[in-house]
Amino acid sequence: MLVAQSPSMPLLRCLSVIMTRWHRLLSLARNPYRPELHYMRGPGPKSHAKHQNRLAPTTGSAHEIS
């Protein structure tokens, strides 16, 4: 048995896909949790280069016995 499709079926299918994608986009935009904004790994190479002279050990140590 063949069922005749109405001319609006491809249009409805297309609108359904558009609405599904639109809802998915809106749900992603409203998501308040963004872990990449809060993830910190510590100081990087630029920080080490900037503060290198502060972090470098001195040549004479107070614990050396003369």
PDB file of N, CA and C in Angstrom:
ATOM      1  N   MET A   1       0.843  -1.178   0.000  1.00  0.00           N
ATOM      2  CA  MET A   1       0.000   0.000   0.000  1.00  0.00           C
ATOM      3  C   MET A   1       0.886   1.239   0.000  1.00  0.00           C
ATOM      4  N   LEU A   2       0.677   2.103  -0.914  1.00  0.00           N
ATOM      5  CA  LEU A   2       1.438   3.327  -1.027  1.00  0.00           C
ATOM      6  C   LEU A   2       0.677   4.465  -0.374  1.00  0.00           C
ATOM      7  N   VAL A   3       1.419   5.227   0.414  1.00  0.00           N
ATOM      8  CA  VAL A   3       0.805   6.374   1.070  1.00  0.00           C
ATOM      9  C   VAL A   3       1.294   7.624   0.358  1.00  0.00           C
ATOM     10  N   ALA A   4       0.395   8.404  -0.074  1.00  0.00           N
ATOM     11  CA  ALA A   4       0.758   9.634  -0.775  1.00  0.00           C
ATOM     12  C   ALA A   4       1.208  10.675   0.236  1.00  0.00           C
ATOM     13  N   GLN A   5       2.363  11.253  -0.020  1.00  0.00           N
ATOM     14  CA  GLN A   5       2.861  12.294   0.871  1.00  0.00           C
ATOM     15  C   GLN A   5       2.288  13.629   0.440  1.00  0.00           C
ATOM     16  N   SER A   6       1.941  14.395   1.446  1.00  0.00           N
ATOM     17  CA  SER A   6       1.457  15.729   1.120  1.00  0.00           C
ATOM     18  C   SER A   6       2.645  16.605   0.756  1.00  0.00           C
ATOM     19  N   PRO A   7       2.446  17.642  -0.009  1.00  0.00           N
ATOM     20  CA  PRO A   7       3.558  18.507  -0.410  1.00  0.00           C
ATOM     21  C   PRO A   7       4.216  19.228   0.767  1.00  0.00           C
ATOM     22  N   SER A   8       3.548  19.265   1.911  1.00  0.00           N
ATOM     23  CA  SER A   8       4.112  19.982   3.050  1.00  0.00           C
ATOM     24  C   SER A   8       5.035  19.106   3.904  1.00  0.00           C
ATOM     25  N   MET A   9       5.119  17.796   3.637  1.00  0.00           N
ATOM     26  CA  MET A   9       5.952  16.906   4.448  1.00  0.00           C
ATOM     27  C   MET A   9       7.436  17.290   4.407  1.00  0.00           C
ATOM     28  N   PRO A  10       8.056  17.542   3.261  1.00  0.00           N
ATOM     29  CA  PRO A  10       9.465  17.958   3.282  1.00  0.00           C
ATOM     30  C   PRO A  10       9.663  19.285   4.017  1.00  0.00           C
ATOM     31  N   LEU A  11       8.708  20.177   3.889  1.00  0.00           N
ATOM     32  CA  LEU A  11       8.790  21.451   4.593  1.00  0.00           C
ATOM     33  C   LEU A  11       8.725  21.234   6.101  1.00  0.00           C
ATOM     34  N   LEU A  12       7.805  20.381   6.550  1.00  0.00           N
ATOM     35  CA  LEU A  12       7.688  20.100   7.984  1.00  0.00           C
ATOM     36  C   LEU A  12       8.940  19.422   8.519  1.00  0.00           C
ATOM     37  N   ARG A  13       9.510  18.523   7.744  1.00  0.00           N
ATOM     38  CA  ARG A  13      10.735  17.843   8.161  1.00  0.00           C
ATOM     39  C   ARG A  13      11.879  18.853   8.289  1.00  0.00           C
ATOM     40  N   CYS A  14      11.974  19.752   7.335  1.00  0.00           N
ATOM     41  CA  CYS A  14      13.000  20.783   7.351  1.00  0.00           C
ATOM     42  C   CYS A  14      12.811  21.722   8.548  1.00  0.00           C
ATOM     43  N   LEU A  15      11.591  22.126   8.816  1.00  0.00           N
ATOM     44  CA  LEU A  15      11.312  22.991   9.963  1.00  0.00           C
ATOM     45  C   LEU A  15      11.613  22.281  11.276  1.00  0.00           C
ATOM     46  N   SER A  16      11.339  20.990  11.324  1.00  0.00           N
ATOM     47  CA  SER A  16      11.633  20.219  12.521  1.00  0.00           C
ATOM     48  C   SER A  16      13.133  20.185  12.795  1.00  0.00           C
ATOM     49  N   VAL A  17      13.921  20.003  11.759  1.00  0.00           N
ATOM     50  CA  VAL A  17      15.382  19.993  11.910  1.00  0.00           C
ATOM     51  C   VAL A  17      15.875  21.361  12.367  1.00  0.00           C
ATOM     52  N   ILE A  18      15.327  22.401  11.765  1.00  0.00           N
ATOM     53  CA  ILE A  18      15.726  23.763  12.140  1.00  0.00           C
ATOM     54  C   ILE A  18      15.379  24.042  13.595  1.00  0.00           C
ATOM     55  N   MET A  19      14.198  23.669  14.021  1.00  0.00           N
ATOM     56  CA  MET A  19      13.777  23.908  15.407  1.00  0.00           C
ATOM     57  C   MET A  19      14.626  23.102  16.395  1.00  0.00           C
ATOM     58  N   THR A  20      14.953  21.875  16.043  1.00  0.00           N
ATOM     59  CA  THR A  20      15.783  21.052  16.915  1.00  0.00           C
ATOM     60  C   THR A  20      17.152  21.688  17.095  1.00  0.00           C
ATOM     61  N   ARG A  21      17.741  22.129  16.014  1.00  0.00           N
ATOM     62  CA  ARG A  21      19.062  22.762  16.099  1.00  0.00           C
ATOM     63  C   ARG A  21      18.995  24.097  16.841  1.00  0.00           C
ATOM     64  N   TRP A  22      17.913  24.837  16.653  1.00  0.00           N
ATOM     65  CA  TRP A  22      17.746  26.108  17.342  1.00  0.00           C
ATOM     66  C   TRP A  22      17.650  25.891  18.856  1.00  0.00           C
ATOM     67  N   HIS A  23      16.874  24.905  19.275  1.00  0.00           N
ATOM     68  CA  HIS A  23      16.743  24.605  20.704  1.00  0.00           C
ATOM     69  C   HIS A  23      18.076  24.155  21.285  1.00  0.00           C
ATOM     70  N   ARG A  24      18.817  23.367  20.545  1.00  0.00           N
ATOM     71  CA  ARG A  24      20.131  22.906  21.004  1.00  0.00           C
ATOM     72  C   ARG A  24      21.088  24.096  21.166  1.00  0.00           C
ATOM     73  N   LEU A  25      21.057  25.019  20.214  1.00  0.00           N
ATOM     74  CA  LEU A  25      21.905  26.205  20.288  1.00  0.00           C
ATOM     75  C   LEU A  25      21.542  27.073  21.488  1.00  0.00           C
ATOM     76  N   LEU A  26      20.254  27.269  21.711  1.00  0.00           N
ATOM     77  CA  LEU A  26      19.823  28.071  22.855  1.00  0.00           C
ATOM     78  C   LEU A  26      20.201  27.420  24.170  1.00  0.00           C
ATOM     79  N   SER A  27      20.087  26.112  24.260  1.00  0.00           N
ATOM     80  CA  SER A  27      20.452  25.441  25.509  1.00  0.00           C
ATOM     81  C   SER A  27      21.950  25.554  25.768  1.00  0.00           C
ATOM     82  N   LEU A  28      22.772  25.524  24.714  1.00  0.00           N
ATOM     83  CA  LEU A  28      24.209  25.708  24.895  1.00  0.00           C
ATOM     84  C   LEU A  28      24.540  27.139  25.312  1.00  0.00           C
ATOM     85  N   ALA A  29      23.821  28.093  24.776  1.00  0.00           N
ATOM     86  CA  ALA A  29      24.077  29.501  25.094  1.00  0.00           C
ATOM     87  C   ALA A  29      23.668  29.829  26.524  1.00  0.00           C
ATOM     88  N   ARG A  30      22.649  29.151  27.045  1.00  0.00           N
ATOM     89  CA  ARG A  30      22.174  29.436  28.397  1.00  0.00           C
ATOM     90  C   ARG A  30      22.896  28.640  29.466  1.00  0.00           C
ATOM     91  N   ASN A  31      23.783  27.727  29.084  1.00  0.00           N
ATOM     92  CA  ASN A  31      24.475  26.898  30.053  1.00  0.00           C
ATOM     93  C   ASN A  31      25.438  27.755  30.871  1.00  0.00           C
ATOM     94  N   PRO A  32      25.210  27.896  32.194  1.00  0.00           N
ATOM     95  CA  PRO A  32      26.067  28.767  32.992  1.00  0.00           C
ATOM     96  C   PRO A  32      27.415  28.131  33.352  1.00  0.00           C
ATOM     97  N   TYR A  33      27.552  26.830  33.266  1.00  0.00           N
ATOM     98  CA  TYR A  33      28.792  26.163  33.670  1.00  0.00           C
ATOM     99  C   TYR A  33      29.793  26.171  32.528  1.00  0.00           C
ATOM    100  N   ARG A  34      30.895  26.872  32.700  1.00  0.00           N
ATOM    101  CA  ARG A  34      31.949  26.942  31.698  1.00  0.00           C
ATOM    102  C   ARG A  34      33.268  26.634  32.400  1.00  0.00           C
ATOM    103  N   PRO A  35      33.649  25.360  32.510  1.00  0.00           N
ATOM    104  CA  PRO A  35      34.843  25.009  33.280  1.00  0.00           C
ATOM    105  C   PRO A  35      36.127  25.609  32.724  1.00  0.00           C
ATOM    106  N   GLU A  36      36.196  25.858  31.432  1.00  0.00           N
ATOM    107  CA  GLU A  36      37.428  26.409  30.875  1.00  0.00           C
ATOM    108  C   GLU A  36      37.699  27.823  31.369  1.00  0.00           C
ATOM    109  N   LEU A  37      36.680  28.510  31.889  1.00  0.00           N
ATOM    110  CA  LEU A  37      36.881  29.847  32.423  1.00  0.00           C
ATOM    111  C   LEU A  37      37.476  29.822  33.822  1.00  0.00           C
ATOM    112  N   HIS A  38      37.355  28.701  34.521  1.00  0.00           N
ATOM    113  CA  HIS A  38      37.783  28.617  35.914  1.00  0.00           C
ATOM    114  C   HIS A  38      38.969  27.692  36.124  1.00  0.00           C
ATOM    115  N   TYR A  39      39.419  27.036  35.102  1.00  0.00           N
ATOM    116  CA  TYR A  39      40.495  26.066  35.242  1.00  0.00           C
ATOM    117  C   TYR A  39      41.829  26.794  35.232  1.00  0.00           C
ATOM    118  N   MET A  40      42.602  26.622  36.297  1.00  0.00           N
ATOM    119  CA  MET A  40      43.911  27.272  36.386  1.00  0.00           C
ATOM    120  C   MET A  40      44.962  26.212  36.675  1.00  0.00           C
ATOM    121  N   ARG A  41      46.044  26.245  35.926  1.00  0.00           N
ATOM    122  CA  ARG A  41      47.095  25.251  36.099  1.00  0.00           C
ATOM    123  C   ARG A  41      48.308  25.792  36.827  1.00  0.00           C
ATOM    124  N   GLY A  42      48.329  27.033  37.146  1.00  0.00           N
ATOM    125  CA  GLY A  42      49.482  27.606  37.820  1.00  0.00           C
ATOM    126  C   GLY A  42      50.269  28.502  36.889  1.00  0.00           C
ATOM    127  N   PRO A  43      51.382  29.051  37.390  1.00  0.00           N
ATOM    128  CA  PRO A  43      52.162  29.975  36.573  1.00  0.00           C
ATOM    129  C   PRO A  43      52.807  29.276  35.389  1.00  0.00           C
ATOM    130  N   GLY A  44      52.896  29.993  34.299  1.00  0.00           N
ATOM    131  CA  GLY A  44      53.464  29.434  33.079  1.00  0.00           C
ATOM    132  C   GLY A  44      54.844  29.983  32.798  1.00  0.00           C
ATOM    133  N   PRO A  45      55.361  29.714  31.613  1.00  0.00           N
ATOM    134  CA  PRO A  45      56.720  30.125  31.276  1.00  0.00           C
ATOM    135  C   PRO A  45      56.923  31.642  31.265  1.00  0.00           C
ATOM    136  N   LYS A  46      55.899  32.408  30.910  1.00  0.00           N
ATOM    137  CA  LYS A  46      56.051  33.866  30.925  1.00  0.00           C
ATOM    138  C   LYS A  46      56.218  34.374  32.350  1.00  0.00           C
ATOM    139  N   SER A  47      55.491  33.798  33.279  1.00  0.00           N
ATOM    140  CA  SER A  47      55.620  34.194  34.675  1.00  0.00           C
ATOM    141  C   SER A  47      56.994  33.823  35.211  1.00  0.00           C
ATOM    142  N   HIS A  48      57.488  32.658  34.845  1.00  0.00           N
ATOM    143  CA  HIS A  48      58.819  32.237  35.289  1.00  0.00           C
ATOM    144  C   HIS A  48      59.895  33.165  34.726  1.00  0.00           C
ATOM    145  N   ALA A  49      59.761  33.566  33.480  1.00  0.00           N
ATOM    146  CA  ALA A  49      60.743  34.454  32.868  1.00  0.00           C
ATOM    147  C   ALA A  49      60.694  35.842  33.514  1.00  0.00           C
ATOM    148  N   LYS A  50      59.514  36.291  33.855  1.00  0.00           N
ATOM    149  CA  LYS A  50      59.358  37.613  34.446  1.00  0.00           C
ATOM    150  C   LYS A  50      59.961  37.673  35.847  1.00  0.00           C
ATOM    151  N   HIS A  51      59.783  36.612  36.602  1.00  0.00           N
ATOM    152  CA  HIS A  51      60.223  36.584  37.997  1.00  0.00           C
ATOM    153  C   HIS A  51      61.481  35.747  38.191  1.00  0.00           C
ATOM    154  N   GLN A  52      62.255  35.556  37.141  1.00  0.00           N
ATOM    155  CA  GLN A  52      63.417  34.675  37.209  1.00  0.00           C
ATOM    156  C   GLN A  52      64.454  35.185  38.208  1.00  0.00           C
ATOM    157  N   ASN A  53      64.712  36.495  38.215  1.00  0.00           N
ATOM    158  CA  ASN A  53      65.727  37.005  39.122  1.00  0.00           C
ATOM    159  C   ASN A  53      65.290  36.913  40.584  1.00  0.00           C
ATOM    160  N   ARG A  54      64.010  36.901  40.864  1.00  0.00           N
ATOM    161  CA  ARG A  54      63.527  36.718  42.238  1.00  0.00           C
ATOM    162  C   ARG A  54      63.626  35.266  42.668  1.00  0.00           C
ATOM    163  N   LEU A  55      63.462  34.353  41.717  1.00  0.00           N
ATOM    164  CA  LEU A  55      63.448  32.930  42.038  1.00  0.00           C
ATOM    165  C   LEU A  55      64.833  32.306  42.015  1.00  0.00           C
ATOM    166  N   ALA A  56      65.829  32.985  41.414  1.00  0.00           N
ATOM    167  CA  ALA A  56      67.169  32.419  41.310  1.00  0.00           C
ATOM    168  C   ALA A  56      67.822  32.367  42.685  1.00  0.00           C
ATOM    169  N   PRO A  57      68.473  31.251  43.016  1.00  0.00           N
ATOM    170  CA  PRO A  57      69.124  31.142  44.329  1.00  0.00           C
ATOM    171  C   PRO A  57      70.362  32.043  44.372  1.00  0.00           C
ATOM    172  N   THR A  58      70.671  32.502  45.558  1.00  0.00           N
ATOM    173  CA  THR A  58      71.840  33.344  45.727  1.00  0.00           C
ATOM    174  C   THR A  58      73.096  32.472  45.723  1.00  0.00           C
ATOM    175  N   THR A  59      74.245  33.078  45.457  1.00  0.00           N
ATOM    176  CA  THR A  59      75.497  32.307  45.407  1.00  0.00           C
ATOM    177  C   THR A  59      75.946  31.904  46.796  1.00  0.00           C
ATOM    178  N   GLY A  60      75.746  32.735  47.769  1.00  0.00           N
ATOM    179  CA  GLY A  60      76.124  32.394  49.141  1.00  0.00           C
ATOM    180  C   GLY A  60      74.910  32.023  49.953  1.00  0.00           C
ATOM    181  N   SER A  61      74.996  30.962  50.707  1.00  0.00           N
ATOM    182  CA  SER A  61      73.866  30.522  51.510  1.00  0.00           C
ATOM    183  C   SER A  61      74.186  30.750  52.977  1.00  0.00           C
ATOM    184  N   ALA A  62      73.200  31.024  53.751  1.00  0.00           N
ATOM    185  CA  ALA A  62      73.379  31.259  55.181  1.00  0.00           C
ATOM    186  C   ALA A  62      73.735  29.965  55.897  1.00  0.00           C
ATOM    187  N   HIS A  63      73.500  28.824  55.274  1.00  0.00           N
ATOM    188  CA  HIS A  63      73.763  27.527  55.919  1.00  0.00           C
ATOM    189  C   HIS A  63      75.154  27.001  55.640  1.00  0.00           C
ATOM    190  N   GLU A  64      75.928  27.709  54.817  1.00  0.00           N
ATOM    191  CA  GLU A  64      77.287  27.233  54.515  1.00  0.00           C
ATOM    192  C   GLU A  64      78.209  27.507  55.696  1.00  0.00           C
ATOM    193  N   ILE A  65      79.091  26.578  55.942  1.00  0.00           N
ATOM    194  CA  ILE A  65      80.055  26.728  57.015  1.00  0.00           C
ATOM    195  C   ILE A  65      81.393  27.136  56.375  1.00  0.00           C
ATOM    196  N   SER A  66      82.013  28.248  56.874  1.00  0.00           N
ATOM    197  CA  SER A  66      83.261  28.681  56.286  1.00  0.00           C
ATOM    198  C   SER A  66      84.444  28.283  57.124  1.00  0.00           C
TER     199      SER A  66
END
